[in-house]
Amino acid sequence: MSPVPYAVMSPVERLLAVCRAEIGYHEKASNRDLDSKTDNSGTANYTKYAWYMDLIGDVYNGRKNGYDWCDVWVDSMFIMTFGEALGVKLLCQPYKGCGAGCNWSAGYYKANGQFYKTGPQPGDQIFYDWDLDDCADHTGIVTAVRGGYVYTIEGNTSDPSNPGDVVVAEKCRPLNAKYIYGFGRPDWSLVESTKLSGWTGYVTNTGGDGLNCRTFPVSGAVLDTFRDGDTLTIIQTLNDWALVEGRGWVSMEYVSKTAPEPTPTPTPGGDDDMKYYQKLADVPKSYRAAVQKVMERGALKGSADPDPSRLDDNTINISEDMCRTMVILDRLGLLK
């Protein structure tokens, strides 16, 4: 059976897909190599999850990188999946709040009437009370419930294959364990009812390779690939990355706020129907850089050149087929 495409998954399925892509991530020994899953492994509480949450800046009451990060991991999964505005709502948290702490997070769900002691469901935030003092100590996200066990993905937890490492890992615990404190349940109806503000972007200049859409900036798993000219709704930006509504993260290097020029539609009938461009400015942006290289080298002069020191006034009358050929040569490195 083929996997369900991310774009048509339910909100819970999308969240869990993002969580699963992070399994195997190691806590870092220092504030470097944060985007690598395994490099710089250590126990100093540095992670990319806290780094990105600190970058957003207004979710918590202060910076959190270098501190215990189990709840930060949960929060980052929601925000990386749904964006900050919707993610914070699903978590029942206030801005500039104390949601990086497990007991505070549990309290936010309680205050909204969304905290349960029994009956966990996939997508719930699970809380643990290890020392049974009625205070949450650890947290994760429920992935399944079956056979008397609750299955989760958790950050800041021991590696099942090497307990000395602190990682993101899958865990399985008895459903009747006394240390299970309870479950915070997001209001998933908010995903459909919340109108998110954003802006329209257009995929451009990928060189035909397409633009990968990922679960997480930089190092996330690839969910899909967009093509030049595709229209995207951007709801969040972090450094050079943008979150596409309902889809995932893309590099902003290949996203423009300007709609691409329409591609000429070929008409049967031979060379007389070929599209021609009179001036360099008339050449579509996807071809223009390669054509300009050829002009700069004097290999394309055109039929009129009023000012030899300029390229923009040169009448080149170049066909689209010739433009495509120049792009191919450029990709092969022959127009250096």
Protein backbone atom coordinates (compact mmCIF):
# COMPACT_ATOMS: atom_id res chain seq x y z
CA MET A 1 0.00 0.00 0.00
CA SER A 2 1.38 3.42 -0.95
CA PRO A 3 1.89 5.91 1.88
CA VAL A 4 -0.70 8.67 2.26
CA PRO A 5 0.64 11.93 0.76
CA TYR A 6 1.43 14.49 3.47
CA ALA A 7 -0.82 17.10 1.85
CA VAL A 8 -3.94 14.97 2.40
CA MET A 9 -3.07 13.59 5.84
CA SER A 10 -5.21 14.46 8.86
CA PRO A 11 -3.71 17.02 11.28
CA VAL A 12 -2.70 14.24 13.70
CA GLU A 13 -1.06 12.23 10.92
CA ARG A 14 0.88 15.29 9.79
CA LEU A 15 2.12 15.94 13.33
CA LEU A 16 3.22 12.34 13.77
CA ALA A 17 4.99 12.33 10.39
CA VAL A 18 7.07 15.31 11.53
CA CYS A 19 7.78 13.60 14.88
CA ARG A 20 8.89 10.34 13.27
CA ALA A 21 11.32 12.17 11.01
CA GLU A 22 13.16 13.36 14.16
CA ILE A 23 13.71 9.91 15.71
CA GLY A 24 17.42 9.36 16.31
CA TYR A 25 18.32 13.01 16.89
CA HIS A 26 21.03 13.34 19.59
CA GLU A 27 21.31 16.00 22.25
CA LYS A 28 24.49 18.04 21.69
CA ALA A 29 27.60 18.57 23.77
CA SER A 30 27.72 22.25 22.81
CA ASN A 31 25.89 24.81 20.70
CA ARG A 32 27.14 23.56 17.32
CA ASP A 33 26.15 20.98 14.68
CA LEU A 34 22.59 21.46 15.87
CA ASP A 35 20.99 20.44 12.56
CA SER A 36 22.91 17.15 12.41
CA LYS A 37 21.16 14.17 13.91
CA THR A 38 24.28 12.56 15.37
CA ASP A 39 27.27 14.94 15.22
CA ASN A 40 28.50 16.53 18.46
CA SER A 41 26.45 14.13 20.56
CA GLY A 42 26.54 14.94 24.27
CA THR A 43 24.55 15.80 27.38
CA ALA A 44 24.68 19.60 27.61
CA ASN A 45 20.99 20.09 26.64
CA TYR A 46 21.71 21.86 23.35
CA THR A 47 19.33 21.02 20.48
CA LYS A 48 18.04 22.47 17.23
CA TYR A 49 14.53 22.41 18.73
CA ALA A 50 15.35 24.94 21.43
CA TRP A 51 17.46 26.94 18.96
CA TYR A 52 14.52 27.39 16.60
CA MET A 53 12.12 28.15 19.45
CA ASP A 54 14.55 30.79 20.72
CA LEU A 55 14.73 32.19 17.19
CA ILE A 56 10.95 32.59 17.08
CA GLY A 57 11.38 34.51 20.31
CA ASP A 58 7.90 35.05 21.74
CA VAL A 59 6.64 31.56 22.60
CA TYR A 60 8.47 31.31 25.93
CA ASN A 61 9.40 33.64 28.77
CA GLY A 62 13.08 33.40 27.88
CA ARG A 63 15.70 31.49 25.92
CA LYS A 64 15.67 27.72 26.41
CA ASN A 65 18.66 26.26 24.60
CA GLY A 66 20.90 24.57 27.15
CA TYR A 67 18.02 23.52 29.40
CA ASP A 68 15.96 20.33 29.72
CA TRP A 69 14.17 19.99 26.43
CA CYS A 70 11.48 17.28 26.47
CA ASP A 71 8.65 19.83 26.44
CA VAL A 72 10.51 22.14 24.07
CA TRP A 73 10.69 19.22 21.64
CA VAL A 74 6.92 18.67 21.85
CA ASP A 75 6.18 22.37 21.35
CA SER A 76 8.57 22.60 18.41
CA MET A 77 6.86 19.65 16.71
CA PHE A 78 3.52 21.44 16.86
CA ILE A 79 4.95 24.75 15.66
CA MET A 80 7.06 23.21 12.90
CA THR A 81 3.97 21.34 11.68
CA PHE A 82 1.32 24.03 11.97
CA GLY A 83 3.18 27.32 12.37
CA GLU A 84 3.48 29.45 15.47
CA ALA A 85 0.00 31.00 15.52
CA LEU A 86 -1.87 27.70 15.25
CA GLY A 87 0.70 25.61 17.14
CA VAL A 88 0.46 27.76 20.26
CA LYS A 89 -3.35 27.50 20.16
CA LEU A 90 -3.25 23.72 19.87
CA LEU A 91 -0.91 23.56 22.86
CA CYS A 92 -3.22 25.85 24.91
CA GLN A 93 -0.23 28.03 25.73
CA PRO A 94 -0.01 31.81 26.12
CA TYR A 95 2.71 33.79 24.40
CA LYS A 96 5.75 34.51 26.58
CA GLY A 97 4.59 31.73 28.86
CA CYS A 98 6.18 28.88 30.78
CA GLY A 99 5.29 26.09 28.36
CA ALA A 100 8.86 24.79 28.24
CA GLY A 101 8.15 23.24 31.66
CA CYS A 102 6.13 20.03 31.81
CA ASN A 103 4.02 20.93 34.82
CA TRP A 104 3.17 24.31 33.34
CA SER A 105 2.17 22.72 30.04
CA ALA A 106 -0.11 20.27 31.81
CA GLY A 107 -1.62 23.19 33.72
CA TYR A 108 -2.41 25.06 30.48
CA TYR A 109 -4.38 22.08 29.18
CA LYS A 110 -6.17 21.79 32.53
CA ALA A 111 -7.14 25.46 32.45
CA ASN A 112 -8.75 24.89 29.05
CA GLY A 113 -10.59 21.72 30.08
CA GLN A 114 -8.42 19.64 27.73
CA PHE A 115 -6.55 17.45 30.22
CA TYR A 116 -7.47 13.76 30.70
CA LYS A 117 -6.32 11.09 33.15
CA THR A 118 -7.37 8.16 30.95
CA GLY A 119 -8.20 7.32 27.34
CA PRO A 120 -5.16 8.62 25.44
CA GLN A 121 -5.39 9.19 21.71
CA PRO A 122 -2.76 9.63 18.98
CA GLY A 123 -1.60 13.25 18.94
CA ASP A 124 -2.14 13.75 22.68
CA GLN A 125 0.67 15.22 24.74
CA ILE A 126 1.46 12.64 27.43
CA PHE A 127 2.85 13.67 30.83
CA TYR A 128 4.76 11.54 33.37
CA ASP A 129 5.15 11.92 37.12
CA TRP A 130 8.16 9.75 37.89
CA ASP A 131 8.26 10.30 41.66
CA LEU A 132 4.46 10.33 42.12
CA ASP A 133 4.37 13.78 43.74
CA ASP A 134 1.47 15.04 41.60
CA CYS A 135 3.82 17.08 39.41
CA ALA A 136 4.64 16.39 35.73
CA ASP A 137 8.34 15.61 35.15
CA HIS A 138 8.56 14.46 31.53
CA THR A 139 6.48 14.56 28.35
CA GLY A 140 6.10 13.25 24.81
CA ILE A 141 3.54 12.72 22.04
CA VAL A 142 1.25 9.69 21.82
CA THR A 143 1.48 7.76 18.54
CA ALA A 144 -0.71 4.73 19.31
CA VAL A 145 -2.58 2.87 22.04
CA ARG A 146 -2.97 -0.91 21.81
CA GLY A 147 -2.68 -4.09 23.83
CA GLY A 148 -2.59 -2.30 27.16
CA TYR A 149 0.36 -0.09 26.14
CA VAL A 150 0.77 3.51 25.09
CA TYR A 151 3.30 4.19 22.35
CA THR A 152 5.03 7.57 22.16
CA ILE A 153 7.80 9.61 20.62
CA GLU A 154 9.77 11.63 23.15
CA GLY A 155 12.66 14.05 23.21
CA ASN A 156 15.30 14.26 25.95
CA THR A 157 15.02 10.54 26.60
CA SER A 158 17.51 7.66 26.74
CA ASP A 159 18.47 5.87 23.53
CA PRO A 160 16.94 2.34 23.66
CA SER A 161 20.04 0.91 21.95
CA ASN A 162 22.56 2.96 23.94
CA PRO A 163 21.10 4.29 27.22
CA GLY A 164 24.01 6.68 27.72
CA ASP A 165 22.88 8.81 24.77
CA VAL A 166 20.06 11.36 25.07
CA VAL A 167 17.91 11.37 21.96
CA VAL A 168 14.51 11.59 20.31
CA ALA A 169 13.15 8.05 20.49
CA GLU A 170 10.06 5.87 20.38
CA LYS A 171 8.92 4.51 23.74
CA CYS A 172 6.34 1.96 24.88
CA ARG A 173 4.94 2.02 28.42
CA PRO A 174 2.15 0.14 30.25
CA LEU A 175 -1.07 2.07 30.01
CA ASN A 176 -1.83 1.45 33.70
CA ALA A 177 1.57 2.66 34.94
CA LYS A 178 1.14 4.83 38.03
CA TYR A 179 3.70 7.34 36.74
CA ILE A 180 1.50 8.33 33.79
CA TYR A 181 0.24 11.70 34.98
CA GLY A 182 -2.25 12.40 32.21
CA PHE A 183 -2.83 13.59 28.66
CA GLY A 184 -3.27 17.03 27.12
CA ARG A 185 -5.50 16.89 24.05
CA PRO A 186 -5.26 19.60 21.37
CA ASP A 187 -8.51 20.85 19.86
CA TRP A 188 -7.90 19.55 16.35
CA SER A 189 -10.92 21.41 14.97
CA LEU A 190 -8.77 24.55 15.20
CA VAL A 191 -6.72 23.34 12.24
CA GLU A 192 -9.70 23.77 9.94
CA SER A 193 -11.34 26.76 11.63
CA THR A 194 -8.29 28.99 12.19
CA LYS A 195 -7.64 31.45 9.38
CA LEU A 196 -3.90 31.90 9.11
CA SER A 197 -2.36 35.05 7.71
CA GLY A 198 0.32 34.58 5.10
CA TRP A 199 1.67 35.63 1.75
CA THR A 200 1.84 34.07 -1.70
CA GLY A 201 5.17 32.83 -2.99
CA TYR A 202 6.19 31.31 -6.31
CA VAL A 203 8.76 28.58 -6.84
CA THR A 204 11.49 29.85 -9.15
CA ASN A 205 15.01 29.20 -10.46
CA THR A 206 15.31 25.56 -9.36
CA GLY A 207 17.00 24.66 -12.63
CA GLY A 208 14.47 21.94 -13.24
CA ASP A 209 15.46 20.06 -10.08
CA GLY A 210 12.42 21.21 -8.13
CA LEU A 211 12.17 22.55 -4.57
CA ASN A 212 12.14 19.99 -1.76
CA CYS A 213 9.53 20.46 0.95
CA ARG A 214 10.73 19.18 4.34
CA THR A 215 9.39 18.30 7.79
CA PHE A 216 11.86 20.72 9.41
CA PRO A 217 14.17 23.50 8.19
CA VAL A 218 17.56 22.41 6.81
CA SER A 219 17.65 18.78 7.93
CA GLY A 220 14.05 17.58 7.83
CA ALA A 221 12.84 14.60 5.81
CA VAL A 222 11.65 15.38 2.29
CA LEU A 223 7.85 15.26 2.05
CA ASP A 224 7.28 16.49 -1.50
CA THR A 225 8.87 18.45 -4.34
CA PHE A 226 7.49 21.64 -5.87
CA ARG A 227 8.17 22.71 -9.45
CA ASP A 228 9.04 26.07 -10.96
CA GLY A 229 5.91 28.20 -11.13
CA ASP A 230 4.06 26.41 -8.30
CA THR A 231 2.15 28.76 -6.00
CA LEU A 232 2.76 28.49 -2.23
CA THR A 233 1.01 30.01 0.79
CA ILE A 234 3.71 30.98 3.30
CA ILE A 235 2.60 31.20 6.96
CA GLN A 236 5.93 31.29 8.84
CA THR A 237 9.53 32.20 8.12
CA LEU A 238 12.67 31.31 10.08
CA ASN A 239 15.94 32.67 8.75
CA ASP A 240 16.09 31.47 5.13
CA TRP A 241 13.27 28.93 5.45
CA ALA A 242 9.52 29.23 4.97
CA LEU A 243 6.61 27.07 6.14
CA VAL A 244 4.10 26.33 3.39
CA GLU A 245 0.58 26.00 4.79
CA GLY A 246 -0.35 22.33 5.13
CA ARG A 247 2.82 21.15 3.36
CA GLY A 248 6.18 21.71 5.11
CA TRP A 249 9.35 23.81 5.00
CA VAL A 250 11.12 25.11 1.88
CA SER A 251 14.27 27.12 1.27
CA MET A 252 13.40 30.76 0.53
CA GLU A 253 16.28 30.89 -1.94
CA TYR A 254 13.85 29.46 -4.47
CA VAL A 255 10.70 31.36 -3.49
CA SER A 256 9.78 34.70 -5.05
CA LYS A 257 6.97 37.11 -4.20
CA THR A 258 6.74 37.98 -7.90
CA ALA A 259 4.65 35.75 -10.15
CA PRO A 260 6.70 34.11 -12.90
CA GLU A 261 6.29 35.16 -16.50
CA PRO A 262 3.95 32.82 -18.37
CA THR A 263 5.66 30.14 -20.43
CA PRO A 264 4.87 30.48 -24.14
CA THR A 265 2.44 27.84 -25.37
CA PRO A 266 3.82 26.10 -28.45
CA THR A 267 1.53 25.94 -31.46
CA PRO A 268 1.92 23.18 -34.04
CA GLY A 269 3.05 24.31 -37.44
CA GLY A 270 6.85 24.57 -37.53
CA ASP A 271 9.37 27.34 -37.05
CA ASP A 272 6.92 30.11 -37.97
CA ASP A 273 5.09 29.44 -34.69
CA MET A 274 8.23 29.60 -32.53
CA LYS A 275 8.34 32.23 -29.77
CA TYR A 276 11.02 34.91 -30.31
CA TYR A 277 12.41 37.51 -27.90
CA GLN A 278 13.63 40.83 -29.32
CA LYS A 279 15.58 42.22 -26.37
CA LEU A 280 17.32 40.72 -23.33
CA ALA A 281 14.58 42.12 -21.08
CA ASP A 282 11.99 40.17 -23.10
CA VAL A 283 13.71 36.84 -22.35
CA PRO A 284 11.99 34.97 -19.46
CA LYS A 285 13.95 34.98 -16.22
CA SER A 286 14.45 31.19 -16.37
CA TYR A 287 16.53 31.68 -19.57
CA ARG A 288 17.89 35.17 -19.11
CA ALA A 289 21.07 34.46 -17.13
CA ALA A 290 22.35 31.97 -19.72
CA VAL A 291 21.50 34.28 -22.66
CA GLN A 292 23.24 37.18 -20.93
CA LYS A 293 26.41 35.08 -20.51
CA VAL A 294 26.48 34.39 -24.25
CA MET A 295 25.98 38.10 -25.02
CA GLU A 296 28.69 39.17 -22.60
CA ARG A 297 31.14 36.89 -24.37
CA GLY A 298 30.29 38.48 -27.73
CA ALA A 299 28.89 35.25 -29.18
CA LEU A 300 25.42 36.76 -29.57
CA LYS A 301 25.33 40.27 -31.04
CA GLY A 302 21.95 40.57 -32.71
CA SER A 303 20.83 42.69 -35.64
CA ALA A 304 21.11 46.11 -34.01
CA ASP A 305 23.35 47.39 -31.23
CA PRO A 306 23.01 51.18 -30.75
CA ASP A 307 25.38 51.25 -27.78
CA PRO A 308 28.05 48.49 -27.73
CA SER A 309 28.71 49.19 -24.04
CA ARG A 310 25.20 48.05 -23.16
CA LEU A 311 23.33 44.78 -23.58
CA ASP A 312 19.76 45.89 -22.97
CA ASP A 313 19.45 47.82 -26.26
CA ASN A 314 20.75 44.99 -28.45
CA THR A 315 18.08 43.55 -30.80
CA ILE A 316 18.78 39.81 -30.54
CA ASN A 317 15.54 38.28 -31.92
CA ILE A 318 16.36 34.95 -30.26
CA SER A 319 14.06 31.91 -30.35
CA GLU A 320 12.90 30.02 -27.30
CA ASP A 321 14.58 26.86 -28.59
CA MET A 322 17.89 28.71 -28.73
CA CYS A 323 17.33 29.96 -25.18
CA ARG A 324 16.77 26.41 -23.98
CA THR A 325 19.98 25.31 -25.69
CA MET A 326 21.93 28.05 -23.91
CA VAL A 327 20.49 27.00 -20.54
CA ILE A 328 21.58 23.40 -21.18
CA LEU A 329 25.08 24.54 -22.10
CA ASP A 330 25.21 26.66 -18.95
CA ARG A 331 24.18 23.72 -16.76
CA LEU A 332 26.93 21.66 -18.36
CA GLY A 333 29.42 24.35 -17.35
CA LEU A 334 30.23 25.31 -20.92
CA LEU A 335 29.41 29.00 -20.57
CA LYS A 336 31.98 29.86 -17.94
